[in-house]
Amino acid sequence: MARPPKTLVTTTLLASALVAGLMACRGVPARPASVSQEAMWCPESKEGIFLKVGGHQGTLWQLEIWDRKGRSLASGSFRLRGFAKAKIVPEEVVSWQNGVLQLKDGTVLVQEAPAAP
């Protein structure tokens, strides 16, 4: 049986490593200890986020958001602006930017200012 050329073997190994690396980047990262077990991984946003969706009343939703390293990005009440939702799923999340969670259908959730004492 003939041996494959060294260049072919090296190229194949490099390509395999690249594909594995890209898959790991888009895969679910290890959950940091600071992230709630109920939080869902949302890979569609730029860097990916962990999102915990709590209860809601009308257009006011309770959310907690962490980055992939477990740093808290936001927590509290968010006002839904756009299409009504029965629930929010990770596949709908497009981005998290400047206190706004953007969904695929154009709907956004904007963090409410804390109530004055």
N, C-alpha and C. Protein backbone atom coordinates (compact mmCIF):
# COMPACT_ATOMS: atom_id res chain seq x y z
N MET A 1 0.85 -1.17 0.00
CA MET A 1 0.00 0.00 0.00
C MET A 1 0.90 1.24 0.00
N ALA A 2 0.62 2.18 -0.85
CA ALA A 2 1.42 3.39 -0.96
C ALA A 2 1.11 4.35 0.16
N ARG A 3 2.14 5.05 0.63
CA ARG A 3 1.97 6.03 1.71
C ARG A 3 1.52 7.37 1.11
N PRO A 4 0.59 8.07 1.78
CA PRO A 4 0.16 9.36 1.25
C PRO A 4 1.30 10.37 1.36
N PRO A 5 1.35 11.29 0.44
CA PRO A 5 2.40 12.30 0.49
C PRO A 5 2.33 13.10 1.80
N LYS A 6 3.51 13.51 2.30
CA LYS A 6 3.61 14.22 3.56
C LYS A 6 2.78 15.52 3.54
N THR A 7 2.75 16.21 2.42
CA THR A 7 2.00 17.45 2.30
C THR A 7 0.50 17.22 2.49
N LEU A 8 -0.01 16.14 1.92
CA LEU A 8 -1.43 15.81 2.05
C LEU A 8 -1.79 15.53 3.49
N VAL A 9 -0.97 14.76 4.18
CA VAL A 9 -1.23 14.42 5.58
C VAL A 9 -1.20 15.68 6.44
N THR A 10 -0.21 16.55 6.25
CA THR A 10 -0.09 17.78 7.02
C THR A 10 -1.27 18.70 6.77
N THR A 11 -1.67 18.84 5.51
CA THR A 11 -2.81 19.69 5.16
C THR A 11 -4.09 19.16 5.78
N THR A 12 -4.29 17.86 5.74
CA THR A 12 -5.47 17.25 6.33
C THR A 12 -5.52 17.48 7.83
N LEU A 13 -4.38 17.34 8.51
CA LEU A 13 -4.34 17.54 9.96
C LEU A 13 -4.61 19.01 10.32
N LEU A 14 -4.04 19.93 9.56
CA LEU A 14 -4.28 21.35 9.82
C LEU A 14 -5.74 21.72 9.58
N ALA A 15 -6.32 21.20 8.53
CA ALA A 15 -7.73 21.48 8.23
C ALA A 15 -8.63 20.93 9.34
N SER A 16 -8.33 19.75 9.83
CA SER A 16 -9.12 19.14 10.90
C SER A 16 -9.03 19.98 12.17
N ALA A 17 -7.83 20.47 12.49
CA ALA A 17 -7.64 21.29 13.68
C ALA A 17 -8.40 22.61 13.54
N LEU A 18 -8.39 23.20 12.36
CA LEU A 18 -9.11 24.45 12.12
C LEU A 18 -10.61 24.27 12.29
N VAL A 19 -11.15 23.21 11.72
CA VAL A 19 -12.59 22.94 11.84
C VAL A 19 -12.96 22.71 13.29
N ALA A 20 -12.16 21.95 14.02
CA ALA A 20 -12.44 21.68 15.43
C ALA A 20 -12.41 22.97 16.23
N GLY A 21 -11.45 23.85 15.93
CA GLY A 21 -11.35 25.13 16.62
C GLY A 21 -12.55 26.01 16.35
N LEU A 22 -13.00 26.07 15.11
CA LEU A 22 -14.17 26.87 14.76
C LEU A 22 -15.42 26.33 15.43
N MET A 23 -15.56 25.04 15.50
CA MET A 23 -16.72 24.44 16.14
C MET A 23 -16.72 24.74 17.63
N ALA A 24 -15.55 24.71 18.26
CA ALA A 24 -15.46 25.01 19.69
C ALA A 24 -15.85 26.46 19.94
N CYS A 25 -15.47 27.37 19.06
CA CYS A 25 -15.81 28.79 19.23
C CYS A 25 -17.32 28.99 19.17
N ARG A 26 -18.02 28.29 18.32
CA ARG A 26 -19.46 28.46 18.18
C ARG A 26 -20.25 27.56 19.12
N GLY A 27 -19.57 26.61 19.76
CA GLY A 27 -20.25 25.70 20.65
C GLY A 27 -20.58 26.36 21.98
N VAL A 28 -21.24 25.63 22.83
CA VAL A 28 -21.60 26.12 24.15
C VAL A 28 -20.35 26.10 25.03
N PRO A 29 -19.95 27.25 25.56
CA PRO A 29 -18.77 27.27 26.44
C PRO A 29 -19.12 26.63 27.78
N ALA A 30 -18.09 26.29 28.52
CA ALA A 30 -18.32 25.77 29.88
C ALA A 30 -19.03 26.86 30.67
N ARG A 31 -20.03 26.47 31.44
CA ARG A 31 -20.81 27.44 32.21
C ARG A 31 -19.99 27.91 33.41
N PRO A 32 -19.66 29.20 33.49
CA PRO A 32 -18.95 29.72 34.66
C PRO A 32 -19.80 29.57 35.91
N ALA A 33 -19.17 29.46 37.06
CA ALA A 33 -19.88 29.27 38.32
C ALA A 33 -20.83 30.43 38.62
N SER A 34 -20.53 31.61 38.13
CA SER A 34 -21.35 32.79 38.41
C SER A 34 -22.65 32.84 37.59
N VAL A 35 -22.79 31.94 36.62
CA VAL A 35 -23.97 31.94 35.74
C VAL A 35 -25.00 30.94 36.27
N SER A 36 -26.23 31.41 36.40
CA SER A 36 -27.33 30.58 36.88
C SER A 36 -27.49 29.32 36.03
N GLN A 37 -27.84 28.22 36.66
CA GLN A 37 -28.08 26.97 35.95
C GLN A 37 -29.28 27.07 35.00
N GLU A 38 -30.20 28.00 35.28
CA GLU A 38 -31.38 28.18 34.43
C GLU A 38 -31.07 29.01 33.18
N ALA A 39 -29.90 29.63 33.13
CA ALA A 39 -29.55 30.48 32.00
C ALA A 39 -29.31 29.64 30.74
N MET A 40 -29.74 30.18 29.61
CA MET A 40 -29.58 29.51 28.31
C MET A 40 -28.43 30.18 27.55
N TRP A 41 -27.72 29.39 26.77
CA TRP A 41 -26.65 29.93 25.93
C TRP A 41 -27.26 30.46 24.64
N CYS A 42 -26.94 31.68 24.28
CA CYS A 42 -27.43 32.33 23.06
C CYS A 42 -26.23 32.59 22.14
N PRO A 43 -25.95 31.68 21.22
CA PRO A 43 -24.75 31.79 20.40
C PRO A 43 -24.84 32.80 19.26
N GLU A 44 -26.03 33.24 18.92
CA GLU A 44 -26.19 34.11 17.76
C GLU A 44 -25.67 35.52 17.97
N SER A 45 -25.67 35.99 19.21
CA SER A 45 -25.16 37.34 19.44
C SER A 45 -23.65 37.36 19.20
N LYS A 46 -23.09 38.52 19.03
CA LYS A 46 -21.69 38.68 18.58
C LYS A 46 -20.72 37.76 19.31
N GLU A 47 -20.65 37.85 20.60
CA GLU A 47 -19.73 37.03 21.38
C GLU A 47 -20.44 35.87 22.08
N GLY A 48 -21.75 35.85 21.98
CA GLY A 48 -22.54 34.87 22.70
C GLY A 48 -22.80 35.35 24.12
N ILE A 49 -23.97 35.06 24.63
CA ILE A 49 -24.32 35.44 26.00
C ILE A 49 -25.10 34.31 26.66
N PHE A 50 -25.10 34.32 27.98
CA PHE A 50 -25.99 33.46 28.76
C PHE A 50 -27.17 34.34 29.15
N LEU A 51 -28.38 33.82 28.99
CA LEU A 51 -29.59 34.58 29.26
C LEU A 51 -30.53 33.77 30.15
N LYS A 52 -30.93 34.38 31.26
CA LYS A 52 -31.95 33.77 32.12
C LYS A 52 -33.20 34.63 32.00
N VAL A 53 -34.27 34.00 31.56
CA VAL A 53 -35.55 34.69 31.40
C VAL A 53 -36.43 34.32 32.58
N GLY A 54 -36.80 35.33 33.35
CA GLY A 54 -37.69 35.11 34.49
C GLY A 54 -39.13 35.34 34.06
N GLY A 55 -39.94 35.67 34.99
CA GLY A 55 -41.35 35.91 34.69
C GLY A 55 -41.55 37.22 33.95
N HIS A 56 -42.76 37.41 33.47
CA HIS A 56 -43.09 38.66 32.81
C HIS A 56 -44.54 39.01 33.09
N GLN A 57 -44.80 40.30 33.02
CA GLN A 57 -46.15 40.80 33.17
C GLN A 57 -46.36 41.81 32.06
N GLY A 58 -47.22 41.45 31.12
CA GLY A 58 -47.43 42.31 29.95
C GLY A 58 -46.15 42.42 29.14
N THR A 59 -45.64 43.63 28.99
CA THR A 59 -44.43 43.83 28.19
C THR A 59 -43.18 43.98 29.05
N LEU A 60 -43.30 43.74 30.34
CA LEU A 60 -42.15 43.86 31.25
C LEU A 60 -41.62 42.47 31.61
N TRP A 61 -40.38 42.20 31.20
CA TRP A 61 -39.74 40.89 31.40
C TRP A 61 -38.60 41.02 32.39
N GLN A 62 -38.40 39.97 33.19
CA GLN A 62 -37.27 39.91 34.11
C GLN A 62 -36.15 39.09 33.45
N LEU A 63 -35.00 39.73 33.25
CA LEU A 63 -33.88 39.06 32.58
C LEU A 63 -32.60 39.20 33.38
N GLU A 64 -31.73 38.21 33.23
CA GLU A 64 -30.36 38.29 33.72
C GLU A 64 -29.47 37.90 32.55
N ILE A 65 -28.39 38.65 32.33
CA ILE A 65 -27.52 38.43 31.17
C ILE A 65 -26.07 38.40 31.63
N TRP A 66 -25.32 37.39 31.16
CA TRP A 66 -23.90 37.24 31.44
C TRP A 66 -23.14 37.07 30.14
N ASP A 67 -21.86 37.44 30.12
CA ASP A 67 -21.04 37.14 28.96
C ASP A 67 -20.50 35.72 29.09
N ARG A 68 -19.74 35.25 28.10
CA ARG A 68 -19.27 33.87 28.09
C ARG A 68 -18.29 33.56 29.23
N LYS A 69 -17.71 34.61 29.84
CA LYS A 69 -16.79 34.42 30.96
C LYS A 69 -17.50 34.48 32.31
N GLY A 70 -18.80 34.73 32.30
CA GLY A 70 -19.58 34.74 33.53
C GLY A 70 -19.72 36.11 34.16
N ARG A 71 -19.28 37.16 33.48
CA ARG A 71 -19.44 38.51 34.01
C ARG A 71 -20.88 38.97 33.78
N SER A 72 -21.47 39.52 34.82
CA SER A 72 -22.84 40.02 34.72
C SER A 72 -22.86 41.25 33.82
N LEU A 73 -23.74 41.23 32.82
CA LEU A 73 -23.91 42.36 31.91
C LEU A 73 -25.13 43.19 32.28
N ALA A 74 -26.17 42.54 32.77
CA ALA A 74 -27.39 43.25 33.15
C ALA A 74 -28.30 42.32 33.93
N SER A 75 -29.18 42.93 34.72
CA SER A 75 -30.15 42.17 35.48
C SER A 75 -31.29 43.11 35.84
N GLY A 76 -32.51 42.60 35.75
CA GLY A 76 -33.65 43.41 36.14
C GLY A 76 -34.77 43.38 35.14
N SER A 77 -35.55 44.45 35.14
CA SER A 77 -36.73 44.55 34.28
C SER A 77 -36.36 45.11 32.91
N PHE A 78 -36.91 44.48 31.87
CA PHE A 78 -36.69 44.92 30.49
C PHE A 78 -38.05 45.09 29.82
N ARG A 79 -38.21 46.20 29.13
CA ARG A 79 -39.46 46.51 28.43
C ARG A 79 -39.39 45.95 27.02
N LEU A 80 -40.39 45.16 26.64
CA LEU A 80 -40.47 44.59 25.29
C LEU A 80 -41.04 45.64 24.34
N ARG A 81 -40.34 45.88 23.25
CA ARG A 81 -40.80 46.82 22.23
C ARG A 81 -40.81 46.09 20.89
N GLY A 82 -41.99 45.82 20.40
CA GLY A 82 -42.13 45.08 19.15
C GLY A 82 -43.25 44.07 19.28
N PHE A 83 -43.04 42.92 18.67
CA PHE A 83 -44.05 41.87 18.65
C PHE A 83 -44.21 41.22 20.02
N ALA A 84 -45.45 40.93 20.42
CA ALA A 84 -45.71 40.26 21.69
C ALA A 84 -45.06 38.89 21.69
N LYS A 85 -44.61 38.46 22.85
CA LYS A 85 -43.94 37.16 23.00
C LYS A 85 -44.57 36.38 24.13
N ALA A 86 -44.76 35.09 23.90
CA ALA A 86 -45.18 34.20 24.98
C ALA A 86 -43.96 33.72 25.74
N LYS A 87 -42.82 33.60 25.02
CA LYS A 87 -41.56 33.24 25.65
C LYS A 87 -40.42 33.70 24.75
N ILE A 88 -39.24 33.78 25.33
CA ILE A 88 -38.05 34.19 24.59
C ILE A 88 -37.12 32.99 24.55
N VAL A 89 -36.69 32.61 23.36
CA VAL A 89 -35.82 31.45 23.19
C VAL A 89 -34.45 31.89 22.66
N PRO A 90 -33.39 31.14 22.99
CA PRO A 90 -32.03 31.53 22.60
C PRO A 90 -31.85 31.75 21.10
N GLU A 91 -32.54 30.98 20.28
CA GLU A 91 -32.39 31.09 18.83
C GLU A 91 -32.87 32.42 18.28
N GLU A 92 -33.70 33.15 19.04
CA GLU A 92 -34.22 34.45 18.61
C GLU A 92 -33.26 35.60 18.86
N VAL A 93 -32.30 35.41 19.78
CA VAL A 93 -31.41 36.49 20.18
C VAL A 93 -30.38 36.76 19.10
N VAL A 94 -30.34 38.01 18.64
CA VAL A 94 -29.38 38.41 17.61
C VAL A 94 -28.19 39.14 18.22
N SER A 95 -28.47 40.03 19.18
CA SER A 95 -27.37 40.78 19.78
C SER A 95 -27.74 41.34 21.15
N TRP A 96 -26.70 41.64 21.88
CA TRP A 96 -26.81 42.38 23.14
C TRP A 96 -25.87 43.56 23.01
N GLN A 97 -26.42 44.77 23.09
CA GLN A 97 -25.59 45.95 22.90
C GLN A 97 -26.19 47.13 23.63
N ASN A 98 -25.38 47.78 24.45
CA ASN A 98 -25.79 49.01 25.14
C ASN A 98 -27.12 48.89 25.87
N GLY A 99 -27.32 47.79 26.57
CA GLY A 99 -28.54 47.62 27.35
C GLY A 99 -29.76 47.20 26.57
N VAL A 100 -29.56 46.78 25.31
CA VAL A 100 -30.68 46.37 24.46
C VAL A 100 -30.45 44.95 23.95
N LEU A 101 -31.44 44.09 24.16
CA LEU A 101 -31.40 42.73 23.64
C LEU A 101 -32.23 42.70 22.36
N GLN A 102 -31.60 42.45 21.22
CA GLN A 102 -32.26 42.47 19.91
C GLN A 102 -32.65 41.05 19.51
N LEU A 103 -33.89 40.88 19.05
CA LEU A 103 -34.37 39.58 18.58
C LEU A 103 -34.47 39.59 17.06
N LYS A 104 -34.52 38.41 16.46
CA LYS A 104 -34.50 38.27 15.00
C LYS A 104 -35.64 39.00 14.29
N ASP A 105 -36.80 39.07 14.91
CA ASP A 105 -37.95 39.68 14.24
C ASP A 105 -37.98 41.20 14.37
N GLY A 106 -36.92 41.78 14.93
CA GLY A 106 -36.86 43.22 15.11
C GLY A 106 -37.31 43.70 16.48
N THR A 107 -37.89 42.82 17.25
CA THR A 107 -38.31 43.14 18.61
C THR A 107 -37.07 43.37 19.46
N VAL A 108 -37.16 44.31 20.40
CA VAL A 108 -36.06 44.56 21.32
C VAL A 108 -36.59 44.55 22.74
N LEU A 109 -35.70 44.23 23.67
CA LEU A 109 -35.98 44.33 25.10
C LEU A 109 -34.99 45.36 25.65
N VAL A 110 -35.53 46.44 26.22
CA VAL A 110 -34.71 47.55 26.70
C VAL A 110 -34.78 47.59 28.22
N GLN A 111 -33.62 47.69 28.85
CA GLN A 111 -33.59 47.69 30.31
C GLN A 111 -34.27 48.93 30.86
N GLU A 112 -35.16 48.71 31.82
CA GLU A 112 -35.89 49.79 32.48
C GLU A 112 -34.98 50.47 33.49
N ALA A 113 -35.13 51.76 33.62
CA ALA A 113 -34.40 52.50 34.65
C ALA A 113 -34.93 52.07 36.01
N PRO A 114 -34.05 51.97 37.01
CA PRO A 114 -34.53 51.60 38.36
C PRO A 114 -35.52 52.64 38.87
N ALA A 115 -36.48 52.19 39.63
CA ALA A 115 -37.49 53.09 40.18
C ALA A 115 -36.85 54.04 41.20
N ALA A 116 -37.26 55.27 41.18
CA ALA A 116 -36.73 56.26 42.12
C ALA A 116 -37.27 55.97 43.50
N PRO A 117 -36.45 56.16 44.56
CA PRO A 117 -36.93 55.88 45.94
C PRO A 117 -37.94 56.87 46.43
